[in-house]
């Protein structure tokens, strides 16, 4: 992907072609103004690795199977949230956002394509899209790369509902204090 021209480049080009289109007034100060270049969108965008990096945060709940409170960045926030929502349990847990490309399968793709092409095959129903394993793997890697590019372009970081891993649930400090235990 090429670099976008700056606004100054745009003004210079516009001034250069202005005489051919009836003229345009652009003074030297406008052409030579020094401005801070805006940060390119590509510079701010997360990579696929960043979009799918694990997130370990804190949660609170009254049910150790379903965690309603959170995510909280710190244990202290989880304790505060648990107290505010009267949740007796807190837990630190990890989730991995979904890398969409991992769900593309060239085998499933060719199977669905062959099914769609059934009416166009011979009387024995021989496969039409019968390629070598190397070609199939090439399709797999190219499509996965395209899906990764699409996920990055749209900055998608779909988060699953379930945790990938967690610590043992703990009784929240306010609940311990309420029961007379040490907080």
N, C-alpha and C. Protein backbone atom coordinates (compact mmCIF):
# COMPACT_ATOMS: atom_id res chain seq x y z
N UNK A 1 0.86 -1.16 0.00
CA UNK A 1 0.00 0.00 0.00
C UNK A 1 0.90 1.22 0.00
N UNK A 2 0.66 2.15 -0.96
CA UNK A 2 1.48 3.35 -1.06
C UNK A 2 1.15 4.36 0.02
N UNK A 3 2.07 5.29 0.20
CA UNK A 3 1.87 6.32 1.21
C UNK A 3 0.94 7.40 0.66
N UNK A 4 0.03 7.87 1.47
CA UNK A 4 -0.90 8.91 1.08
C UNK A 4 -0.16 10.23 0.94
N UNK A 5 -0.49 11.03 -0.11
CA UNK A 5 0.13 12.35 -0.21
C UNK A 5 -0.35 13.25 0.93
N UNK A 6 0.49 14.18 1.32
CA UNK A 6 0.13 15.10 2.40
C UNK A 6 -0.80 16.18 1.86
N UNK A 7 -1.35 16.93 2.77
CA UNK A 7 -2.22 18.04 2.37
C UNK A 7 -1.42 19.08 1.60
N UNK A 8 -0.16 19.30 2.01
CA UNK A 8 0.70 20.24 1.27
C UNK A 8 0.93 19.77 -0.16
N UNK A 9 1.16 18.47 -0.34
CA UNK A 9 1.32 17.92 -1.69
C UNK A 9 0.06 18.15 -2.51
N UNK A 10 -1.08 17.98 -1.87
CA UNK A 10 -2.35 18.20 -2.55
C UNK A 10 -2.47 19.66 -3.01
N UNK A 11 -2.14 20.59 -2.11
CA UNK A 11 -2.24 22.02 -2.47
C UNK A 11 -1.28 22.37 -3.61
N UNK A 12 -0.07 21.83 -3.57
CA UNK A 12 0.90 22.09 -4.65
C UNK A 12 0.39 21.55 -5.98
N UNK A 13 -0.15 20.36 -5.97
CA UNK A 13 -0.67 19.77 -7.20
C UNK A 13 -1.86 20.57 -7.71
N UNK A 14 -2.71 20.98 -6.81
CA UNK A 14 -3.89 21.77 -7.19
C UNK A 14 -3.45 23.10 -7.80
N UNK A 15 -2.44 23.75 -7.19
CA UNK A 15 -1.93 25.02 -7.72
C UNK A 15 -1.28 24.82 -9.08
N UNK A 16 -0.61 23.68 -9.29
CA UNK A 16 0.07 23.42 -10.55
C UNK A 16 -0.91 23.25 -11.70
N UNK A 17 -2.06 22.65 -11.43
CA UNK A 17 -3.02 22.43 -12.51
C UNK A 17 -4.07 23.53 -12.61
N UNK A 18 -4.06 24.46 -11.68
CA UNK A 18 -5.08 25.52 -11.64
C UNK A 18 -5.16 26.32 -12.94
N UNK A 19 -4.03 26.70 -13.56
CA UNK A 19 -4.15 27.50 -14.79
C UNK A 19 -4.95 26.80 -15.89
N UNK A 20 -4.93 25.49 -15.92
CA UNK A 20 -5.66 24.75 -16.96
C UNK A 20 -7.16 24.74 -16.70
N UNK A 21 -7.56 25.10 -15.49
CA UNK A 21 -8.97 25.06 -15.14
C UNK A 21 -9.50 26.41 -14.67
N UNK A 22 -9.00 27.44 -15.25
CA UNK A 22 -9.52 28.76 -14.95
C UNK A 22 -8.86 29.44 -13.77
N UNK A 23 -7.84 28.88 -13.23
CA UNK A 23 -7.10 29.53 -12.16
C UNK A 23 -7.62 29.23 -10.78
N UNK A 24 -6.71 29.30 -9.82
CA UNK A 24 -7.03 29.10 -8.42
C UNK A 24 -6.00 29.87 -7.63
N UNK A 25 -6.44 30.65 -6.69
CA UNK A 25 -5.51 31.45 -5.90
C UNK A 25 -5.01 30.64 -4.71
N UNK A 26 -3.72 30.37 -4.68
CA UNK A 26 -3.09 29.73 -3.54
C UNK A 26 -1.81 30.51 -3.28
N UNK A 27 -1.74 31.16 -2.14
CA UNK A 27 -0.56 31.98 -1.87
C UNK A 27 0.62 31.12 -1.40
N UNK A 28 1.79 31.72 -1.45
CA UNK A 28 3.02 31.00 -1.09
C UNK A 28 2.99 30.54 0.37
N UNK A 29 2.41 31.33 1.25
CA UNK A 29 2.35 30.97 2.67
C UNK A 29 1.53 29.69 2.86
N UNK A 30 0.44 29.58 2.10
CA UNK A 30 -0.39 28.37 2.20
C UNK A 30 0.38 27.16 1.69
N UNK A 31 1.10 27.36 0.56
CA UNK A 31 1.86 26.25 0.00
C UNK A 31 3.01 25.81 0.90
N UNK A 32 3.63 26.74 1.58
CA UNK A 32 4.82 26.42 2.36
C UNK A 32 4.57 26.31 3.86
N UNK A 33 3.32 26.36 4.27
CA UNK A 33 3.06 26.31 5.69
C UNK A 33 3.59 25.01 6.27
N UNK A 34 4.09 25.12 7.47
CA UNK A 34 4.59 23.91 8.12
C UNK A 34 3.51 23.43 9.08
N UNK A 35 3.00 22.29 8.80
CA UNK A 35 1.96 21.72 9.65
C UNK A 35 2.44 20.37 10.13
N UNK A 36 1.92 20.00 11.28
CA UNK A 36 2.21 18.66 11.78
C UNK A 36 1.43 17.68 10.93
N UNK A 37 2.12 16.73 10.37
CA UNK A 37 1.45 15.75 9.53
C UNK A 37 0.54 14.89 10.41
N UNK A 38 -0.68 14.68 9.95
CA UNK A 38 -1.58 13.84 10.74
C UNK A 38 -1.05 12.42 10.78
N UNK A 39 -1.31 11.75 11.89
CA UNK A 39 -0.86 10.38 12.03
C UNK A 39 -1.64 9.51 11.04
N UNK A 40 -0.92 8.71 10.28
CA UNK A 40 -1.55 7.84 9.29
C UNK A 40 -2.37 6.77 10.02
N UNK A 41 -3.49 6.40 9.41
CA UNK A 41 -4.36 5.39 10.02
C UNK A 41 -3.61 4.08 10.21
N UNK A 42 -2.71 3.75 9.28
CA UNK A 42 -1.96 2.51 9.39
C UNK A 42 -1.06 2.51 10.62
N UNK A 43 -0.59 3.69 11.04
CA UNK A 43 0.28 3.79 12.21
C UNK A 43 -0.48 3.50 13.51
N UNK A 44 -1.76 3.74 13.53
CA UNK A 44 -2.56 3.54 14.73
C UNK A 44 -3.22 2.17 14.77
N UNK A 45 -3.29 1.51 13.63
CA UNK A 45 -4.01 0.24 13.57
C UNK A 45 -3.24 -0.87 14.27
N UNK A 46 -3.98 -1.73 14.94
CA UNK A 46 -3.38 -2.87 15.60
C UNK A 46 -3.10 -3.97 14.57
N UNK A 47 -2.08 -4.76 14.83
CA UNK A 47 -1.78 -5.90 13.98
C UNK A 47 -2.70 -7.05 14.35
N UNK A 48 -2.69 -8.11 13.54
CA UNK A 48 -3.52 -9.27 13.85
C UNK A 48 -3.09 -9.89 15.17
N UNK A 49 -1.80 -9.83 15.46
CA UNK A 49 -1.32 -10.38 16.74
C UNK A 49 -1.84 -9.55 17.91
N UNK A 50 -1.87 -8.23 17.74
CA UNK A 50 -2.39 -7.37 18.81
C UNK A 50 -3.90 -7.55 18.96
N UNK A 51 -4.60 -7.69 17.85
CA UNK A 51 -6.06 -7.85 17.90
C UNK A 51 -6.47 -9.17 18.56
N UNK A 52 -5.60 -10.17 18.49
CA UNK A 52 -5.95 -11.49 19.02
C UNK A 52 -5.11 -11.88 20.24
N UNK A 53 -4.45 -10.89 20.84
CA UNK A 53 -3.66 -11.15 22.05
C UNK A 53 -4.60 -11.41 23.22
N UNK A 54 -4.15 -12.25 24.13
CA UNK A 54 -4.99 -12.59 25.28
C UNK A 54 -5.21 -11.37 26.17
N UNK A 55 -6.33 -11.37 26.85
CA UNK A 55 -6.66 -10.33 27.81
C UNK A 55 -6.93 -11.01 29.15
N UNK A 56 -6.15 -10.64 30.15
CA UNK A 56 -6.38 -11.17 31.49
C UNK A 56 -6.93 -10.03 32.33
N UNK A 57 -8.15 -10.22 32.80
CA UNK A 57 -8.84 -9.20 33.58
C UNK A 57 -9.57 -9.87 34.74
N UNK A 58 -10.20 -9.06 35.55
CA UNK A 58 -10.91 -9.52 36.73
C UNK A 58 -12.41 -9.46 36.50
N UNK A 59 -13.13 -10.37 37.17
CA UNK A 59 -14.58 -10.45 37.07
C UNK A 59 -15.17 -10.66 38.45
N UNK A 60 -16.46 -10.38 38.58
CA UNK A 60 -17.15 -10.62 39.86
C UNK A 60 -18.51 -11.24 39.57
N UNK A 61 -19.02 -11.99 40.56
CA UNK A 61 -20.32 -12.63 40.39
C UNK A 61 -20.79 -13.25 41.71
N UNK A 62 -22.02 -13.66 41.73
CA UNK A 62 -22.55 -14.45 42.83
C UNK A 62 -22.61 -15.92 42.44
N UNK A 63 -22.29 -16.22 41.20
CA UNK A 63 -22.37 -17.56 40.65
C UNK A 63 -21.00 -17.89 40.04
N UNK A 64 -20.35 -18.92 40.52
CA UNK A 64 -19.00 -19.22 40.03
C UNK A 64 -19.00 -19.86 38.64
N UNK A 65 -20.15 -20.02 38.05
CA UNK A 65 -20.23 -20.55 36.68
C UNK A 65 -20.44 -19.43 35.65
N UNK A 66 -21.15 -18.38 36.05
CA UNK A 66 -21.46 -17.27 35.14
C UNK A 66 -20.99 -15.98 35.81
N UNK A 67 -20.07 -15.27 35.16
CA UNK A 67 -19.47 -14.07 35.74
C UNK A 67 -20.09 -12.83 35.13
N UNK A 68 -20.90 -12.12 35.92
CA UNK A 68 -21.66 -10.97 35.44
C UNK A 68 -20.91 -9.65 35.53
N UNK A 69 -20.08 -9.48 36.53
CA UNK A 69 -19.38 -8.21 36.74
C UNK A 69 -18.03 -8.20 36.05
N UNK A 70 -17.70 -7.10 35.42
CA UNK A 70 -16.40 -6.98 34.76
C UNK A 70 -16.57 -6.91 33.25
N UNK A 71 -15.49 -6.87 32.59
CA UNK A 71 -14.12 -7.05 33.08
C UNK A 71 -13.59 -5.80 33.79
N UNK A 72 -12.75 -6.05 34.77
CA UNK A 72 -12.08 -5.00 35.53
C UNK A 72 -10.58 -5.11 35.28
N UNK A 73 -9.91 -3.98 35.18
CA UNK A 73 -8.48 -3.98 34.89
C UNK A 73 -7.64 -4.47 36.06
N UNK A 74 -8.08 -4.20 37.29
CA UNK A 74 -7.28 -4.57 38.46
C UNK A 74 -8.14 -5.30 39.49
N UNK A 75 -7.46 -5.93 40.42
CA UNK A 75 -8.14 -6.60 41.52
C UNK A 75 -8.94 -5.59 42.33
N UNK A 76 -8.34 -4.41 42.57
CA UNK A 76 -9.01 -3.38 43.35
C UNK A 76 -10.33 -2.96 42.68
N UNK A 77 -10.30 -2.80 41.36
CA UNK A 77 -11.54 -2.46 40.64
C UNK A 77 -12.56 -3.59 40.77
N UNK A 78 -12.08 -4.83 40.72
CA UNK A 78 -12.98 -5.98 40.86
C UNK A 78 -13.60 -6.00 42.26
N UNK A 79 -12.79 -5.70 43.28
CA UNK A 79 -13.31 -5.65 44.66
C UNK A 79 -14.37 -4.55 44.77
N UNK A 80 -14.07 -3.37 44.20
CA UNK A 80 -15.03 -2.26 44.24
C UNK A 80 -16.31 -2.62 43.49
N UNK A 81 -16.16 -3.21 42.31
CA UNK A 81 -17.32 -3.62 41.53
C UNK A 81 -18.14 -4.68 42.23
N UNK A 82 -17.46 -5.64 42.85
CA UNK A 82 -18.16 -6.70 43.58
C UNK A 82 -18.96 -6.12 44.73
N UNK A 83 -18.36 -5.18 45.44
CA UNK A 83 -19.07 -4.55 46.57
C UNK A 83 -20.28 -3.76 46.07
N UNK A 84 -20.08 -2.98 45.00
CA UNK A 84 -21.17 -2.16 44.45
C UNK A 84 -22.33 -3.02 43.95
N UNK A 85 -22.00 -4.17 43.38
CA UNK A 85 -23.04 -5.04 42.81
C UNK A 85 -23.43 -6.17 43.77
N UNK A 86 -22.83 -6.16 44.96
CA UNK A 86 -23.05 -7.19 45.97
C UNK A 86 -22.73 -8.59 45.44
N UNK A 87 -21.66 -8.69 44.66
CA UNK A 87 -21.18 -9.98 44.18
C UNK A 87 -20.21 -10.54 45.22
N UNK A 88 -20.38 -11.78 45.57
CA UNK A 88 -19.56 -12.39 46.62
C UNK A 88 -18.25 -12.98 46.10
N UNK A 89 -18.12 -13.17 44.82
CA UNK A 89 -16.94 -13.81 44.26
C UNK A 89 -16.21 -12.89 43.30
N UNK A 90 -14.88 -13.02 43.27
CA UNK A 90 -14.06 -12.35 42.26
C UNK A 90 -13.12 -13.41 41.67
N UNK A 91 -12.67 -13.15 40.44
CA UNK A 91 -11.76 -14.09 39.80
C UNK A 91 -11.00 -13.40 38.68
N UNK A 92 -9.75 -13.76 38.53
CA UNK A 92 -8.94 -13.29 37.41
C UNK A 92 -9.03 -14.36 36.32
N UNK A 93 -9.32 -13.91 35.09
CA UNK A 93 -9.50 -14.87 34.00
C UNK A 93 -8.93 -14.30 32.70
N UNK A 94 -8.64 -15.20 31.78
CA UNK A 94 -8.06 -14.84 30.50
C UNK A 94 -8.99 -15.25 29.36
N UNK A 95 -9.08 -14.37 28.38
CA UNK A 95 -9.81 -14.66 27.15
C UNK A 95 -8.90 -14.34 25.97
N UNK A 96 -9.02 -15.11 24.91
CA UNK A 96 -8.30 -14.83 23.67
C UNK A 96 -9.32 -14.41 22.63
N UNK A 97 -9.19 -13.18 22.09
CA UNK A 97 -10.07 -12.79 20.99
C UNK A 97 -9.91 -13.77 19.83
N UNK A 98 -10.93 -13.90 19.05
CA UNK A 98 -10.95 -14.90 17.98
C UNK A 98 -10.21 -14.40 16.74
N UNK A 99 -9.32 -15.24 16.25
CA UNK A 99 -8.65 -14.99 14.98
C UNK A 99 -9.50 -15.70 13.93
N UNK A 100 -10.29 -14.93 13.20
CA UNK A 100 -11.31 -15.47 12.31
C UNK A 100 -10.72 -16.43 11.28
N UNK A 101 -9.51 -16.17 10.81
CA UNK A 101 -8.91 -17.00 9.76
C UNK A 101 -8.70 -18.45 10.19
N UNK A 102 -8.63 -18.69 11.49
CA UNK A 102 -8.44 -20.05 11.97
C UNK A 102 -9.65 -20.94 11.68
N UNK A 103 -10.77 -20.33 11.30
CA UNK A 103 -11.98 -21.09 11.04
C UNK A 103 -12.23 -21.35 9.56
N UNK A 104 -11.27 -20.97 8.72
CA UNK A 104 -11.38 -21.30 7.30
C UNK A 104 -10.70 -22.64 7.07
N UNK A 105 -11.39 -23.52 6.38
CA UNK A 105 -10.84 -24.83 6.04
C UNK A 105 -10.98 -25.04 4.54
N UNK A 106 -9.86 -25.22 3.88
CA UNK A 106 -9.92 -25.46 2.44
C UNK A 106 -10.64 -26.76 2.16
N UNK A 107 -10.53 -27.75 3.05
CA UNK A 107 -11.25 -29.01 2.85
C UNK A 107 -12.75 -28.80 2.84
N UNK A 108 -13.26 -28.05 3.80
CA UNK A 108 -14.70 -27.75 3.85
C UNK A 108 -15.12 -26.89 2.67
N UNK A 109 -14.26 -25.96 2.29
CA UNK A 109 -14.56 -25.10 1.14
C UNK A 109 -14.71 -25.94 -0.12
N UNK A 110 -13.75 -26.84 -0.39
CA UNK A 110 -13.83 -27.67 -1.60
C UNK A 110 -15.00 -28.64 -1.53
N UNK A 111 -15.30 -29.14 -0.35
CA UNK A 111 -16.45 -30.04 -0.20
C UNK A 111 -17.75 -29.31 -0.56
N UNK A 112 -17.91 -28.08 -0.06
CA UNK A 112 -19.12 -27.30 -0.37
C UNK A 112 -19.15 -26.92 -1.86
N UNK A 113 -17.99 -26.59 -2.41
CA UNK A 113 -17.93 -26.23 -3.83
C UNK A 113 -18.27 -27.43 -4.70
N UNK A 114 -17.73 -28.60 -4.38
CA UNK A 114 -18.04 -29.82 -5.15
C UNK A 114 -19.52 -30.15 -5.08
N UNK A 115 -20.11 -29.94 -3.91
CA UNK A 115 -21.55 -30.18 -3.77
C UNK A 115 -22.34 -29.25 -4.68
N UNK A 116 -21.91 -28.01 -4.76
CA UNK A 116 -22.58 -27.04 -5.64
C UNK A 116 -22.36 -27.37 -7.11
N UNK A 117 -21.25 -28.01 -7.42
CA UNK A 117 -20.91 -28.34 -8.81
C UNK A 117 -21.39 -29.73 -9.23
N UNK A 118 -22.11 -30.43 -8.37
CA UNK A 118 -22.51 -31.81 -8.62
C UNK A 118 -23.18 -31.97 -9.99
N UNK A 119 -24.09 -31.08 -10.33
CA UNK A 119 -24.82 -31.16 -11.60
C UNK A 119 -23.92 -30.97 -12.80
N UNK A 120 -22.71 -30.48 -12.58
CA UNK A 120 -21.80 -30.24 -13.69
C UNK A 120 -20.73 -31.33 -13.81
N UNK A 121 -20.78 -32.34 -12.95
CA UNK A 121 -19.77 -33.40 -13.00
C UNK A 121 -20.25 -34.54 -13.92
N UNK A 122 -19.35 -35.48 -14.16
CA UNK A 122 -19.69 -36.61 -15.04
C UNK A 122 -20.63 -37.58 -14.34
N UNK A 123 -21.02 -38.65 -15.05
CA UNK A 123 -21.98 -39.62 -14.51
C UNK A 123 -21.49 -40.31 -13.25
N UNK A 124 -20.17 -40.43 -13.09
CA UNK A 124 -19.61 -41.08 -11.91
C UNK A 124 -19.50 -40.11 -10.73
N UNK A 125 -19.74 -38.85 -10.96
CA UNK A 125 -19.65 -37.86 -9.89
C UNK A 125 -18.22 -37.57 -9.47
N UNK A 126 -17.28 -37.76 -10.40
CA UNK A 126 -15.88 -37.49 -10.09
C UNK A 126 -15.70 -36.01 -9.72
N UNK A 127 -14.79 -35.74 -8.80
CA UNK A 127 -14.57 -34.35 -8.40
C UNK A 127 -14.02 -33.50 -9.55
N UNK A 128 -14.47 -32.27 -9.59
CA UNK A 128 -13.99 -31.32 -10.59
C UNK A 128 -12.81 -30.54 -10.03
N UNK A 129 -12.88 -30.22 -8.75
CA UNK A 129 -11.84 -29.42 -8.10
C UNK A 129 -10.85 -30.33 -7.38
N UNK A 130 -10.25 -31.21 -8.14
CA UNK A 130 -9.32 -32.21 -7.59
C UNK A 130 -7.90 -31.71 -7.80
N UNK A 131 -7.35 -31.03 -6.78
CA UNK A 131 -6.03 -30.43 -6.89
C UNK A 131 -5.05 -31.17 -5.98
N UNK A 132 -3.78 -30.89 -6.18
CA UNK A 132 -2.76 -31.52 -5.35
C UNK A 132 -2.82 -30.95 -3.93
N UNK A 133 -2.33 -31.71 -2.95
CA UNK A 133 -2.30 -31.19 -1.58
C UNK A 133 -1.53 -29.87 -1.47
N UNK A 134 -0.47 -29.71 -2.23
CA UNK A 134 0.31 -28.47 -2.17
C UNK A 134 -0.53 -27.28 -2.63
N UNK A 135 -1.31 -27.47 -3.67
CA UNK A 135 -2.17 -26.39 -4.17
C UNK A 135 -3.27 -26.08 -3.15
N UNK A 136 -3.83 -27.12 -2.54
CA UNK A 136 -4.86 -26.91 -1.53
C UNK A 136 -4.31 -26.15 -0.32
N UNK A 137 -3.10 -26.50 0.11
CA UNK A 137 -2.48 -25.81 1.24
C UNK A 137 -2.15 -24.36 0.88
N UNK A 138 -1.79 -24.14 -0.38
CA UNK A 138 -1.54 -22.77 -0.82
C UNK A 138 -2.82 -21.94 -0.72
N UNK A 139 -3.95 -22.53 -1.14
CA UNK A 139 -5.23 -21.82 -0.99
C UNK A 139 -5.51 -21.53 0.47
N UNK A 140 -5.28 -22.52 1.32
CA UNK A 140 -5.51 -22.35 2.75
C UNK A 140 -4.73 -21.15 3.29
N UNK A 141 -3.43 -21.08 2.98
CA UNK A 141 -2.61 -20.00 3.53
C UNK A 141 -2.98 -18.65 2.92
N UNK A 142 -3.31 -18.62 1.64
CA UNK A 142 -3.67 -17.34 1.00
C UNK A 142 -5.00 -16.81 1.53
N UNK A 143 -5.98 -17.68 1.68
CA UNK A 143 -7.28 -17.23 2.18
C UNK A 143 -7.16 -16.80 3.64
N UNK A 144 -6.40 -17.55 4.43
CA UNK A 144 -6.22 -17.15 5.82
C UNK A 144 -5.51 -15.80 5.91
N UNK A 145 -4.54 -15.56 5.05
CA UNK A 145 -3.85 -14.26 5.04
C UNK A 145 -4.83 -13.15 4.65
N UNK A 146 -5.70 -13.43 3.69
CA UNK A 146 -6.70 -12.43 3.27
C UNK A 146 -7.69 -12.15 4.41
N UNK A 147 -8.09 -13.19 5.12
CA UNK A 147 -9.01 -13.00 6.25
C UNK A 147 -8.33 -12.20 7.35
N UNK A 148 -7.06 -12.50 7.62
CA UNK A 148 -6.31 -11.72 8.62
C UNK A 148 -6.25 -10.25 8.20
N UNK A 149 -5.99 -10.00 6.92
CA UNK A 149 -5.91 -8.62 6.41
C UNK A 149 -7.25 -7.92 6.58
N UNK A 150 -8.33 -8.63 6.30
CA UNK A 150 -9.69 -8.08 6.47
C UNK A 150 -9.95 -7.77 7.94
N UNK A 151 -9.54 -8.68 8.85
CA UNK A 151 -9.76 -8.46 10.28
C UNK A 151 -8.98 -7.24 10.76
N UNK A 152 -7.77 -7.06 10.26
CA UNK A 152 -6.96 -5.90 10.63
C UNK A 152 -7.55 -4.63 10.04
N UNK A 153 -7.97 -4.68 8.79
CA UNK A 153 -8.52 -3.49 8.14
C UNK A 153 -9.73 -2.95 8.89
N UNK A 154 -10.50 -3.84 9.48
CA UNK A 154 -11.70 -3.42 10.20
C UNK A 154 -11.49 -3.41 11.72
N UNK A 155 -10.25 -3.72 12.15
CA UNK A 155 -9.90 -3.71 13.56
C UNK A 155 -10.88 -4.54 14.40
N UNK A 156 -11.12 -5.77 13.93
CA UNK A 156 -12.06 -6.67 14.59
C UNK A 156 -11.34 -7.52 15.62
N UNK A 157 -11.91 -7.57 16.80
CA UNK A 157 -11.35 -8.35 17.90
C UNK A 157 -12.49 -9.06 18.62
N UNK A 158 -13.17 -10.00 17.93
CA UNK A 158 -14.33 -10.65 18.55
C UNK A 158 -13.93 -11.45 19.78
N UNK A 159 -14.63 -11.20 20.86
CA UNK A 159 -14.29 -11.82 22.14
C UNK A 159 -15.28 -12.95 22.44
N UNK A 160 -14.78 -14.14 22.75
CA UNK A 160 -15.69 -15.23 23.11
C UNK A 160 -16.31 -14.99 24.48
N UNK A 161 -17.39 -15.66 24.73
CA UNK A 161 -18.07 -15.53 26.01
C UNK A 161 -17.30 -16.28 27.10
N UNK A 162 -16.78 -17.46 26.75
CA UNK A 162 -16.08 -18.30 27.73
C UNK A 162 -14.65 -17.84 27.96
N UNK A 163 -14.15 -18.16 29.15
CA UNK A 163 -12.76 -17.88 29.48
C UNK A 163 -11.87 -18.96 28.87
N UNK A 164 -10.66 -18.58 28.52
CA UNK A 164 -9.67 -19.55 28.04
C UNK A 164 -8.97 -20.20 29.23
N UNK A 165 -8.91 -19.48 30.33
CA UNK A 165 -8.29 -19.98 31.55
C UNK A 165 -8.59 -19.03 32.69
N UNK A 166 -8.44 -19.51 33.91
CA UNK A 166 -8.73 -18.65 35.05
C UNK A 166 -8.03 -19.15 36.30
N UNK A 167 -7.91 -18.25 37.27
CA UNK A 167 -7.45 -18.62 38.60
C UNK A 167 -8.67 -19.18 39.34
N UNK A 168 -8.42 -19.67 40.54
CA UNK A 168 -9.53 -20.15 41.37
C UNK A 168 -10.36 -18.94 41.84
N UNK A 169 -11.68 -19.05 41.85
CA UNK A 169 -12.51 -17.96 42.38
C UNK A 169 -12.17 -17.69 43.85
N UNK A 170 -12.28 -16.42 44.24
CA UNK A 170 -12.00 -16.02 45.62
C UNK A 170 -13.22 -15.29 46.18
N UNK A 171 -13.39 -15.39 47.46
CA UNK A 171 -14.46 -14.63 48.09
C UNK A 171 -14.03 -13.17 48.15
N UNK A 172 -14.90 -12.28 47.71
CA UNK A 172 -14.59 -10.85 47.70
C UNK A 172 -14.40 -10.35 49.13
N UNK A 173 -13.55 -9.34 49.27
CA UNK A 173 -13.20 -8.81 50.60
C UNK A 173 -14.44 -8.37 51.37
N UNK A 174 -15.38 -7.70 50.72
CA UNK A 174 -16.58 -7.22 51.41
C UNK A 174 -17.40 -8.38 51.92
N UNK A 175 -17.43 -9.50 51.16
CA UNK A 175 -18.21 -10.67 51.58
C UNK A 175 -17.53 -11.37 52.75
N UNK A 176 -16.19 -11.40 52.72
CA UNK A 176 -15.46 -11.98 53.86
C UNK A 176 -15.73 -11.17 55.13
N UNK A 177 -15.66 -9.85 55.00
CA UNK A 177 -15.89 -8.97 56.15
C UNK A 177 -17.30 -9.13 56.69
N UNK A 178 -18.24 -9.29 55.79
CA UNK A 178 -19.65 -9.46 56.18
C UNK A 178 -19.83 -10.74 56.98
N UNK A 179 -19.09 -11.79 56.59
CA UNK A 179 -19.19 -13.08 57.29
C UNK A 179 -18.34 -13.11 58.55
N UNK A 180 -17.58 -12.03 58.78
CA UNK A 180 -16.75 -11.96 59.98
C UNK A 180 -15.35 -12.46 59.78
N UNK A 181 -14.97 -12.77 58.56
CA UNK A 181 -13.60 -13.22 58.27
C UNK A 181 -12.70 -12.05 58.00
N UNK A 182 -11.42 -12.30 57.90
CA UNK A 182 -10.45 -11.24 57.59
C UNK A 182 -10.59 -10.85 56.13
N UNK A 183 -10.59 -9.57 55.86
CA UNK A 183 -10.78 -9.09 54.50
C UNK A 183 -9.54 -9.19 53.69
